[in-house]
Amino acid sequence: MVAGSAAVKRVTSSNSAYVNTKLTPFYRLHQNRISAQRFRQKKKNEYEQLKDTLGIVQAENEKLKGKVEELAKMVKQRQEVINQHES
């Protein structure tokens, strides 16, 4: 039974050494830099995707504006035809 508790003690002490290694300022600084780099890359990708989407939406908007103008002209022409037949 003593051997079992010694094994547990060894695992516990190695775990605490591992945890202490992760808490060093250099390790945290390194992890922070990696996290910051990932964050910046993610934001850059999101920005590029939004730019692409904006271009697509703007093109679609221009196309729809042209269609609105075309339909407005058709309505005006047909209104003029109706007015001519009523007079």
N, C-alpha and C. Protein backbone atom coordinates (compact mmCIF):
# COMPACT_ATOMS: atom_id res chain seq x y z
N MET A 1 0.81 -1.18 0.00
CA MET A 1 0.00 0.00 0.00
C MET A 1 0.86 1.26 0.00
N VAL A 2 1.99 1.21 0.58
CA VAL A 2 2.91 2.34 0.60
C VAL A 2 3.39 2.64 -0.81
N ALA A 3 3.61 1.58 -1.60
CA ALA A 3 4.07 1.78 -2.97
C ALA A 3 3.02 2.52 -3.78
N GLY A 4 1.74 2.24 -3.53
CA GLY A 4 0.66 2.91 -4.25
C GLY A 4 0.61 4.40 -3.94
N SER A 5 0.80 4.75 -2.69
CA SER A 5 0.76 6.16 -2.32
C SER A 5 1.98 6.89 -2.86
N ALA A 6 3.12 6.19 -2.95
CA ALA A 6 4.31 6.81 -3.52
C ALA A 6 4.11 7.10 -5.00
N ALA A 7 3.41 6.20 -5.69
CA ALA A 7 3.13 6.41 -7.11
C ALA A 7 2.23 7.62 -7.30
N VAL A 8 1.25 7.73 -6.44
CA VAL A 8 0.36 8.89 -6.52
C VAL A 8 1.13 10.16 -6.24
N LYS A 9 2.04 10.10 -5.27
CA LYS A 9 2.82 11.27 -4.92
C LYS A 9 3.70 11.70 -6.11
N ARG A 10 4.28 10.71 -6.81
CA ARG A 10 5.12 11.03 -7.96
C ARG A 10 4.31 11.70 -9.06
N VAL A 11 3.13 11.18 -9.34
CA VAL A 11 2.29 11.76 -10.38
C VAL A 11 1.89 13.17 -10.00
N THR A 12 1.55 13.36 -8.75
CA THR A 12 1.14 14.68 -8.27
C THR A 12 2.29 15.67 -8.38
N SER A 13 3.47 15.25 -7.99
CA SER A 13 4.59 16.18 -8.05
C SER A 13 4.97 16.48 -9.50
N SER A 14 4.86 15.52 -10.40
CA SER A 14 5.18 15.80 -11.80
C SER A 14 4.12 16.70 -12.41
N ASN A 15 2.87 16.54 -11.99
CA ASN A 15 1.82 17.43 -12.49
C ASN A 15 2.04 18.86 -12.02
N SER A 16 2.42 19.02 -10.76
CA SER A 16 2.64 20.37 -10.25
C SER A 16 3.85 21.01 -10.95
N ALA A 17 4.85 20.23 -11.27
CA ALA A 17 6.00 20.77 -12.01
C ALA A 17 5.57 21.20 -13.40
N TYR A 18 4.67 20.44 -14.02
CA TYR A 18 4.15 20.77 -15.35
C TYR A 18 3.33 22.06 -15.28
N VAL A 19 2.50 22.15 -14.28
CA VAL A 19 1.68 23.35 -14.11
C VAL A 19 2.57 24.55 -13.85
N ASN A 20 3.58 24.42 -13.01
CA ASN A 20 4.47 25.53 -12.72
C ASN A 20 5.22 25.99 -13.97
N THR A 21 5.56 25.05 -14.85
CA THR A 21 6.22 25.41 -16.10
C THR A 21 5.30 26.27 -16.95
N LYS A 22 4.02 25.93 -16.97
CA LYS A 22 3.07 26.70 -17.77
C LYS A 22 2.82 28.09 -17.21
N LEU A 23 3.11 28.30 -15.96
CA LEU A 23 2.84 29.59 -15.34
C LEU A 23 4.02 30.55 -15.40
N THR A 24 5.10 30.16 -16.01
CA THR A 24 6.25 31.06 -16.08
C THR A 24 5.89 32.25 -16.95
N PRO A 25 6.45 33.40 -16.66
CA PRO A 25 6.15 34.60 -17.45
C PRO A 25 6.49 34.43 -18.94
N PHE A 26 7.57 33.74 -19.23
CA PHE A 26 7.95 33.55 -20.63
C PHE A 26 6.95 32.68 -21.37
N TYR A 27 6.47 31.65 -20.70
CA TYR A 27 5.48 30.78 -21.32
C TYR A 27 4.19 31.56 -21.58
N ARG A 28 3.75 32.33 -20.58
CA ARG A 28 2.52 33.11 -20.75
C ARG A 28 2.69 34.16 -21.85
N LEU A 29 3.85 34.79 -21.91
CA LEU A 29 4.12 35.77 -22.94
C LEU A 29 4.07 35.13 -24.32
N HIS A 30 4.68 33.98 -24.43
CA HIS A 30 4.68 33.23 -25.69
C HIS A 30 3.25 32.86 -26.09
N GLN A 31 2.48 32.33 -25.14
CA GLN A 31 1.10 31.94 -25.44
C GLN A 31 0.25 33.16 -25.81
N ASN A 32 0.50 34.27 -25.15
CA ASN A 32 -0.24 35.49 -25.45
C ASN A 32 0.07 35.97 -26.86
N ARG A 33 1.33 35.90 -27.24
CA ARG A 33 1.71 36.31 -28.59
C ARG A 33 1.05 35.43 -29.64
N ILE A 34 1.03 34.13 -29.39
CA ILE A 34 0.39 33.21 -30.32
C ILE A 34 -1.10 33.51 -30.41
N SER A 35 -1.74 33.73 -29.26
CA SER A 35 -3.17 34.05 -29.25
C SER A 35 -3.45 35.36 -29.99
N ALA A 36 -2.62 36.35 -29.76
CA ALA A 36 -2.80 37.64 -30.43
C ALA A 36 -2.63 37.50 -31.93
N GLN A 37 -1.65 36.71 -32.34
CA GLN A 37 -1.42 36.49 -33.77
C GLN A 37 -2.62 35.79 -34.41
N ARG A 38 -3.15 34.76 -33.74
CA ARG A 38 -4.34 34.07 -34.25
C ARG A 38 -5.53 35.02 -34.33
N PHE A 39 -5.70 35.85 -33.32
CA PHE A 39 -6.80 36.80 -33.29
C PHE A 39 -6.69 37.79 -34.45
N ARG A 40 -5.49 38.33 -34.67
CA ARG A 40 -5.29 39.28 -35.77
C ARG A 40 -5.56 38.62 -37.12
N GLN A 41 -5.12 37.38 -37.30
CA GLN A 41 -5.35 36.67 -38.56
C GLN A 41 -6.84 36.42 -38.76
N LYS A 42 -7.53 36.05 -37.69
CA LYS A 42 -8.98 35.81 -37.77
C LYS A 42 -9.71 37.09 -38.17
N LYS A 43 -9.34 38.20 -37.54
CA LYS A 43 -9.98 39.48 -37.87
C LYS A 43 -9.66 39.90 -39.30
N LYS A 44 -8.45 39.65 -39.76
CA LYS A 44 -8.07 39.99 -41.13
C LYS A 44 -8.90 39.17 -42.11
N ASN A 45 -9.08 37.88 -41.83
CA ASN A 45 -9.90 37.03 -42.69
C ASN A 45 -11.35 37.49 -42.71
N GLU A 46 -11.87 37.86 -41.55
CA GLU A 46 -13.24 38.35 -41.47
C GLU A 46 -13.40 39.64 -42.26
N TYR A 47 -12.40 40.52 -42.16
CA TYR A 47 -12.44 41.79 -42.89
C TYR A 47 -12.44 41.55 -44.39
N GLU A 48 -11.57 40.66 -44.85
CA GLU A 48 -11.49 40.35 -46.28
C GLU A 48 -12.81 39.75 -46.77
N GLN A 49 -13.39 38.88 -45.98
CA GLN A 49 -14.66 38.28 -46.36
C GLN A 49 -15.77 39.34 -46.43
N LEU A 50 -15.78 40.25 -45.48
CA LEU A 50 -16.76 41.33 -45.50
C LEU A 50 -16.57 42.24 -46.71
N LYS A 51 -15.31 42.51 -47.06
CA LYS A 51 -15.02 43.33 -48.24
C LYS A 51 -15.56 42.66 -49.50
N ASP A 52 -15.34 41.35 -49.62
CA ASP A 52 -15.84 40.61 -50.77
C ASP A 52 -17.37 40.64 -50.82
N THR A 53 -17.98 40.44 -49.68
CA THR A 53 -19.44 40.46 -49.61
C THR A 53 -19.97 41.84 -49.95
N LEU A 54 -19.30 42.89 -49.48
CA LEU A 54 -19.70 44.25 -49.79
C LEU A 54 -19.68 44.49 -51.29
N GLY A 55 -18.63 44.04 -51.97
CA GLY A 55 -18.55 44.21 -53.42
C GLY A 55 -19.69 43.52 -54.14
N ILE A 56 -20.03 42.33 -53.70
CA ILE A 56 -21.12 41.57 -54.32
C ILE A 56 -22.45 42.28 -54.09
N VAL A 57 -22.67 42.74 -52.86
CA VAL A 57 -23.93 43.41 -52.52
C VAL A 57 -24.05 44.74 -53.25
N GLN A 58 -22.96 45.47 -53.37
CA GLN A 58 -23.01 46.75 -54.09
C GLN A 58 -23.33 46.53 -55.57
N ALA A 59 -22.74 45.51 -56.17
CA ALA A 59 -23.03 45.21 -57.57
C ALA A 59 -24.50 44.83 -57.74
N GLU A 60 -25.00 44.03 -56.84
CA GLU A 60 -26.42 43.63 -56.89
C GLU A 60 -27.32 44.85 -56.70
N ASN A 61 -26.92 45.76 -55.83
CA ASN A 61 -27.69 46.98 -55.59
C ASN A 61 -27.76 47.83 -56.86
N GLU A 62 -26.64 48.00 -57.53
CA GLU A 62 -26.62 48.77 -58.78
C GLU A 62 -27.52 48.12 -59.83
N LYS A 63 -27.45 46.82 -59.91
CA LYS A 63 -28.28 46.08 -60.88
C LYS A 63 -29.77 46.31 -60.58
N LEU A 64 -30.12 46.25 -59.31
CA LEU A 64 -31.52 46.45 -58.92
C LEU A 64 -31.97 47.89 -59.13
N LYS A 65 -31.07 48.85 -58.90
CA LYS A 65 -31.42 50.25 -59.17
C LYS A 65 -31.73 50.46 -60.64
N GLY A 66 -30.93 49.83 -61.50
CA GLY A 66 -31.18 49.91 -62.94
C GLY A 66 -32.53 49.32 -63.30
N LYS A 67 -32.87 48.22 -62.68
CA LYS A 67 -34.16 47.58 -62.95
C LYS A 67 -35.31 48.45 -62.47
N VAL A 68 -35.13 49.10 -61.33
CA VAL A 68 -36.16 50.01 -60.81
C VAL A 68 -36.38 51.16 -61.79
N GLU A 69 -35.30 51.73 -62.29
CA GLU A 69 -35.41 52.82 -63.27
C GLU A 69 -36.14 52.35 -64.52
N GLU A 70 -35.77 51.18 -64.99
CA GLU A 70 -36.40 50.62 -66.18
C GLU A 70 -37.90 50.41 -65.96
N LEU A 71 -38.27 49.87 -64.83
CA LEU A 71 -39.68 49.64 -64.53
C LEU A 71 -40.43 50.96 -64.34
N ALA A 72 -39.77 51.95 -63.76
CA ALA A 72 -40.40 53.26 -63.58
C ALA A 72 -40.69 53.89 -64.94
N LYS A 73 -39.77 53.74 -65.89
CA LYS A 73 -40.00 54.26 -67.25
C LYS A 73 -41.17 53.55 -67.91
N MET A 74 -41.23 52.23 -67.71
CA MET A 74 -42.34 51.47 -68.30
C MET A 74 -43.68 51.92 -67.71
N VAL A 75 -43.71 52.14 -66.43
CA VAL A 75 -44.94 52.59 -65.77
C VAL A 75 -45.34 53.96 -66.32
N LYS A 76 -44.37 54.84 -66.45
CA LYS A 76 -44.65 56.19 -66.97
C LYS A 76 -45.19 56.12 -68.40
N GLN A 77 -44.56 55.28 -69.25
CA GLN A 77 -45.01 55.14 -70.63
C GLN A 77 -46.44 54.59 -70.69
N ARG A 78 -46.72 53.60 -69.88
CA ARG A 78 -48.06 53.01 -69.89
C ARG A 78 -49.10 53.98 -69.32
N GLN A 79 -48.68 54.77 -68.35
CA GLN A 79 -49.59 55.79 -67.81
C GLN A 79 -49.92 56.81 -68.88
N GLU A 80 -48.93 57.19 -69.69
CA GLU A 80 -49.15 58.14 -70.78
C GLU A 80 -50.10 57.54 -71.81
N VAL A 81 -49.94 56.25 -72.13
CA VAL A 81 -50.83 55.58 -73.08
C VAL A 81 -52.26 55.58 -72.54
N ILE A 82 -52.42 55.29 -71.26
CA ILE A 82 -53.74 55.27 -70.64
C ILE A 82 -54.35 56.66 -70.68
N ASN A 83 -53.54 57.68 -70.37
CA ASN A 83 -54.04 59.05 -70.40
C ASN A 83 -54.46 59.47 -71.80
N GLN A 84 -53.75 59.02 -72.86
CA GLN A 84 -54.10 59.36 -74.24
C GLN A 84 -55.43 58.72 -74.64
N HIS A 85 -55.67 57.50 -74.19
CA HIS A 85 -56.91 56.80 -74.53
C HIS A 85 -58.11 57.37 -73.78
N GLU A 86 -57.87 57.94 -72.60
CA GLU A 86 -58.95 58.53 -71.82
C GLU A 86 -59.37 59.87 -72.37
N SER A 87 -58.48 60.59 -73.05
CA SER A 87 -58.83 61.91 -73.53
C SER A 87 -59.56 61.91 -74.83
